[in-house]
Amino acid sequence: MSGWTAIVLAGSRPGIDPFAAANGTDLKALIPVGGVPMVARPVAALLEAPEVATLRVLAQQPERIAAALPKDERLSVEISGATIASTIADLLTDPETRFPLLVTTADHALLTPAMIADFCARATGKDLAIGVVERAALMRRLPDSRRTWLKFRGGSYSGANLFAFGSKRAASAVALWRSVEQDRKKGWRVIAALGPVVLLGTFLRLLGLDAVLSRVGRRLGISIAKVELSDPIAAVDVDKPADLDLANRLIAERQ
């Protein structure tokens, strides 16, 4: 079967999740967003996207996640690893995995088929492509939105929770990701893990994001590219109460 294999990461961290508990559940992926479980929204967008051939949802409690999702022959709900990086590493080394992979998260509640089409069209052919949104674009649309921004020459970027893996070769990037996984919200620590030249170049604003990814790719022996999403809403995930309020408002506006 041709087309993308889409992966939705719907796992949870160990222990009590205060954000989930405040919204009547113990699993973040099941927090209601716009009247439906959060995870159901990116799943619906992916099932609607013609680029997606199969869809795999990965979670530590797959039976509970499956109960919140539609029945579709393209959709399976499976057990995940303990962390995001370990889960993706397992996917990349699994001989049954079909490439290319499109990876997103259960909290990408505002994902749309248009965003998926935009990302897939420009991610094709790379070992690893990373979806991003530039700060100025999001501020024009949502001036009060608060995101984690990484600053480079030519702009500041936030992740869009969209990743493309074109081949098993990207496993080297995932190994680097695993080394900084606990610090993924702390931009300077992530950049520091890429080496002193990248850290200094970014700190002094001597390097743009494309240059940084090119250097990292050469170091790892793979091709890496950013995909700057046309719709800045792609940067909005539902990670805290303010995000949930914003997502509910934007969904109401769409309807």
Protein backbone atom coordinates (compact mmCIF):
# COMPACT_ATOMS: atom_id res chain seq x y z
CA MET A 1 0.00 0.00 0.00
CA SER A 2 1.47 3.36 -1.01
CA GLY A 3 1.21 6.55 1.03
CA TRP A 4 2.32 7.68 4.45
CA THR A 5 2.16 5.66 7.64
CA ALA A 6 0.88 8.08 10.26
CA ILE A 7 1.76 7.66 13.93
CA VAL A 8 -0.11 9.38 16.77
CA LEU A 9 1.76 9.29 20.08
CA ALA A 10 -0.89 9.07 22.79
CA GLY A 11 1.18 7.94 25.74
CA SER A 12 1.38 9.46 29.20
CA ARG A 13 4.10 10.14 31.73
CA PRO A 14 4.29 8.04 34.93
CA GLY A 15 2.34 9.27 37.94
CA ILE A 16 -0.60 11.60 38.28
CA ASP A 17 -1.08 14.17 35.53
CA PRO A 18 -2.56 17.28 37.23
CA PHE A 19 -3.76 18.70 33.90
CA ALA A 20 -5.67 15.51 33.08
CA ALA A 21 -7.02 15.19 36.63
CA ALA A 22 -8.36 18.76 36.54
CA ASN A 23 -10.32 17.78 33.43
CA GLY A 24 -11.91 14.63 34.79
CA THR A 25 -9.55 11.92 33.55
CA ASP A 26 -6.20 10.32 34.32
CA LEU A 27 -5.03 10.30 30.69
CA LYS A 28 -4.15 13.55 28.94
CA ALA A 29 -5.15 12.12 25.55
CA LEU A 30 -8.72 11.72 26.80
CA ILE A 31 -9.21 15.33 27.98
CA PRO A 32 -12.29 16.68 26.17
CA VAL A 33 -11.47 19.30 23.54
CA GLY A 34 -14.40 20.82 21.73
CA GLY A 35 -16.64 18.15 23.23
CA VAL A 36 -14.64 15.08 22.13
CA PRO A 37 -11.56 13.28 23.54
CA MET A 38 -8.42 15.14 22.55
CA VAL A 39 -6.83 12.20 20.72
CA ALA A 40 -9.86 11.83 18.45
CA ARG A 41 -9.15 15.17 16.77
CA PRO A 42 -5.73 14.51 15.19
CA VAL A 43 -6.90 10.98 14.37
CA ALA A 44 -9.91 12.36 12.49
CA ALA A 45 -7.70 14.81 10.56
CA LEU A 46 -5.28 12.04 9.57
CA LEU A 47 -8.04 9.69 8.47
CA GLU A 48 -9.43 12.46 6.28
CA ALA A 49 -6.04 13.25 4.72
CA PRO A 50 -5.54 11.49 1.35
CA GLU A 51 -1.77 11.33 1.94
CA VAL A 52 -2.25 8.84 4.83
CA ALA A 53 -2.49 5.15 3.96
CA THR A 54 -2.41 3.65 7.45
CA LEU A 55 -2.67 5.11 10.95
CA ARG A 56 -1.17 3.67 14.12
CA VAL A 57 -2.00 5.16 17.53
CA LEU A 58 0.49 4.24 20.26
CA ALA A 59 -0.32 4.41 23.98
CA GLN A 60 0.47 2.67 27.27
CA GLN A 61 -3.25 1.88 27.71
CA PRO A 62 -4.32 1.15 24.13
CA GLU A 63 -7.69 -0.33 25.00
CA ARG A 64 -8.84 2.88 26.67
CA ILE A 65 -7.58 5.05 23.81
CA ALA A 66 -9.21 2.74 21.23
CA ALA A 67 -12.57 3.21 22.93
CA ALA A 68 -12.42 6.93 22.11
CA LEU A 69 -11.65 6.43 18.40
CA PRO A 70 -13.71 5.50 15.35
CA LYS A 71 -13.61 2.06 13.77
CA ASP A 72 -11.62 2.18 10.54
CA GLU A 73 -9.73 -0.56 8.71
CA ARG A 74 -6.75 1.79 8.29
CA LEU A 75 -6.52 2.43 12.06
CA SER A 76 -4.82 0.35 14.74
CA VAL A 77 -4.18 1.15 18.41
CA GLU A 78 -1.06 -0.44 19.87
CA ILE A 79 1.16 -0.44 22.94
CA SER A 80 3.83 2.26 23.04
CA GLY A 81 7.24 2.55 24.64
CA ALA A 82 7.92 4.37 27.89
CA THR A 83 8.98 7.64 26.23
CA ILE A 84 8.47 9.39 22.90
CA ALA A 85 12.06 8.84 21.79
CA SER A 86 12.10 5.15 22.73
CA THR A 87 8.80 4.63 20.92
CA ILE A 88 10.11 6.22 17.71
CA ALA A 89 13.42 4.35 18.01
CA ASP A 90 11.47 1.08 18.16
CA LEU A 91 9.47 2.08 15.07
CA LEU A 92 12.57 2.91 13.06
CA THR A 93 14.20 -0.43 13.83
CA ASP A 94 11.07 -2.55 13.35
CA PRO A 95 11.33 -4.46 10.03
CA GLU A 96 7.53 -4.24 9.69
CA THR A 97 7.51 -0.44 9.67
CA ARG A 98 6.49 1.08 6.34
CA PHE A 99 8.11 4.38 5.33
CA PRO A 100 7.67 7.28 5.08
CA LEU A 101 6.42 7.90 8.60
CA LEU A 102 4.42 10.95 9.63
CA VAL A 103 4.53 11.38 13.41
CA THR A 104 2.37 13.66 15.52
CA THR A 105 0.94 13.72 19.04
CA ALA A 106 -2.44 13.25 20.65
CA ASP A 107 -2.41 16.85 21.92
CA HIS A 108 -2.27 18.25 18.35
CA ALA A 109 -5.99 18.92 18.65
CA LEU A 110 -6.06 21.65 15.99
CA LEU A 111 -4.40 19.56 13.28
CA THR A 112 -6.19 19.76 9.92
CA PRO A 113 -5.95 17.83 6.64
CA ALA A 114 -4.62 21.04 5.03
CA MET A 115 -1.71 21.15 7.51
CA ILE A 116 -0.98 17.49 6.81
CA ALA A 117 -0.97 18.06 3.05
CA ASP A 118 1.30 21.11 3.44
CA PHE A 119 3.76 19.21 5.61
CA CYS A 120 3.87 15.97 3.62
CA ALA A 121 4.37 17.76 0.29
CA ARG A 122 7.54 19.45 1.52
CA ALA A 123 8.86 16.68 3.79
CA THR A 124 9.10 14.06 1.05
CA GLY A 125 12.60 12.86 0.22
CA LYS A 126 14.29 13.75 3.52
CA ASP A 127 15.58 11.33 6.13
CA LEU A 128 14.08 13.64 8.74
CA ALA A 129 11.82 16.67 8.38
CA ILE A 130 10.64 18.79 11.30
CA GLY A 131 7.52 20.93 11.24
CA VAL A 132 7.96 24.44 12.65
CA VAL A 133 6.15 27.77 12.85
CA GLU A 134 7.93 31.13 12.83
CA ARG A 135 7.11 33.39 15.76
CA ALA A 136 6.01 36.44 13.77
CA ALA A 137 3.44 34.38 11.86
CA LEU A 138 1.84 33.04 15.03
CA MET A 139 1.91 36.41 16.77
CA ARG A 140 -0.01 37.96 13.88
CA ARG A 141 -2.69 35.32 14.28
CA LEU A 142 -2.62 34.84 18.07
CA PRO A 143 -0.76 37.74 19.70
CA ASP A 144 -1.34 36.46 23.24
CA SER A 145 -0.20 32.89 22.59
CA ARG A 146 2.73 31.65 24.65
CA ARG A 147 5.02 29.01 23.13
CA THR A 148 8.56 27.74 23.62
CA TRP A 149 10.69 29.57 21.03
CA LEU A 150 14.16 28.73 19.73
CA LYS A 151 15.92 31.83 18.41
CA PHE A 152 18.12 31.72 15.32
CA ARG A 153 19.44 34.17 12.81
CA GLY A 154 16.46 35.20 10.71
CA GLY A 155 13.72 34.16 13.10
CA SER A 156 12.44 32.34 16.16
CA TYR A 157 10.68 29.01 15.78
CA SER A 158 8.35 26.75 17.70
CA GLY A 159 7.79 23.11 16.91
CA ALA A 160 4.56 22.07 15.21
CA ASN A 161 4.49 18.49 16.55
CA LEU A 162 4.89 17.12 13.02
CA PHE A 163 7.84 14.93 12.08
CA ALA A 164 8.60 12.95 8.95
CA PHE A 165 10.98 9.99 8.92
CA GLY A 166 11.89 8.96 5.41
CA SER A 167 14.08 6.01 6.29
CA LYS A 168 15.70 4.02 9.08
CA ARG A 169 18.74 6.28 8.69
CA ALA A 170 16.99 8.83 10.91
CA ALA A 171 17.64 6.56 13.91
CA SER A 172 20.85 8.50 14.54
CA ALA A 173 18.80 11.67 15.11
CA VAL A 174 16.48 9.82 17.48
CA ALA A 175 19.49 8.68 19.52
CA LEU A 176 20.45 12.34 19.92
CA TRP A 177 16.85 13.19 20.82
CA ARG A 178 16.85 10.53 23.54
CA SER A 179 19.89 12.16 25.13
CA VAL A 180 17.99 15.44 25.65
CA GLU A 181 14.40 14.21 25.88
CA GLN A 182 13.83 15.49 29.40
CA ASP A 183 15.00 18.95 28.33
CA ARG A 184 13.00 19.27 25.10
CA LYS A 185 11.12 22.31 26.50
CA LYS A 186 14.42 24.00 27.45
CA GLY A 187 15.70 25.28 24.16
CA TRP A 188 19.30 26.12 25.08
CA ARG A 189 19.97 22.67 26.52
CA VAL A 190 18.70 21.05 23.34
CA ILE A 191 20.92 23.28 21.20
CA ALA A 192 23.90 22.66 23.50
CA ALA A 193 23.61 18.93 22.83
CA LEU A 194 24.27 19.62 19.15
CA GLY A 195 27.80 20.80 19.88
CA PRO A 196 29.71 23.99 20.77
CA VAL A 197 29.78 25.41 17.22
CA VAL A 198 26.02 25.19 16.89
CA LEU A 199 25.49 26.51 20.42
CA LEU A 200 27.79 29.50 19.92
CA GLY A 201 26.49 30.21 16.43
CA THR A 202 22.91 30.20 17.66
CA PHE A 203 23.71 32.25 20.76
CA LEU A 204 25.43 34.92 18.65
CA ARG A 205 22.68 34.69 15.99
CA LEU A 206 25.29 33.72 13.39
CA LEU A 207 23.37 30.66 12.21
CA GLY A 208 19.88 30.32 10.84
CA LEU A 209 17.77 27.25 11.52
CA ASP A 210 18.47 25.82 8.05
CA ALA A 211 22.20 26.09 8.67
CA VAL A 212 21.90 24.44 12.07
CA LEU A 213 19.93 21.51 10.66
CA SER A 214 22.40 21.16 7.79
CA ARG A 215 25.31 20.96 10.23
CA VAL A 216 23.49 18.45 12.43
CA GLY A 217 22.60 16.38 9.38
CA ARG A 218 26.22 16.25 8.23
CA ARG A 219 27.28 15.23 11.71
CA LEU A 220 24.75 12.40 11.76
CA GLY A 221 25.11 11.42 8.12
CA ILE A 222 21.49 12.12 7.19
CA SER A 223 19.42 14.79 5.44
CA ILE A 224 17.42 17.02 7.80
CA ALA A 225 15.11 19.87 6.84
CA LYS A 226 12.63 22.17 8.46
CA VAL A 227 9.11 22.52 7.09
CA GLU A 228 7.70 25.92 7.98
CA LEU A 229 3.94 25.39 8.10
CA SER A 230 1.76 27.82 6.19
CA ASP A 231 -0.87 27.79 8.93
CA PRO A 232 0.70 29.07 12.19
CA ILE A 233 -2.04 27.39 14.23
CA ALA A 234 0.00 24.21 13.68
CA ALA A 235 2.20 25.35 16.57
CA VAL A 236 -0.66 25.18 19.08
CA ASP A 237 -0.83 21.98 21.09
CA VAL A 238 -2.94 21.39 24.20
CA ASP A 239 -0.40 21.13 26.99
CA LYS A 240 -1.86 23.34 29.73
CA PRO A 241 -5.15 25.01 30.77
CA ALA A 242 -4.57 28.13 28.67
CA ASP A 243 -3.97 25.94 25.61
CA LEU A 244 -7.22 24.09 26.27
CA ASP A 245 -9.17 27.33 26.48
CA LEU A 246 -7.56 28.54 23.26
CA ALA A 247 -8.24 25.26 21.43
CA ASN A 248 -11.90 25.27 22.50
CA ARG A 249 -12.24 28.86 21.27
CA LEU A 250 -10.61 28.16 17.91
CA ILE A 251 -12.70 25.04 17.36
CA ALA A 252 -15.85 27.00 18.11
CA GLU A 253 -14.74 29.61 15.56
CA ARG A 254 -14.20 26.92 12.92
CA GLN A 255 -17.68 25.54 13.51
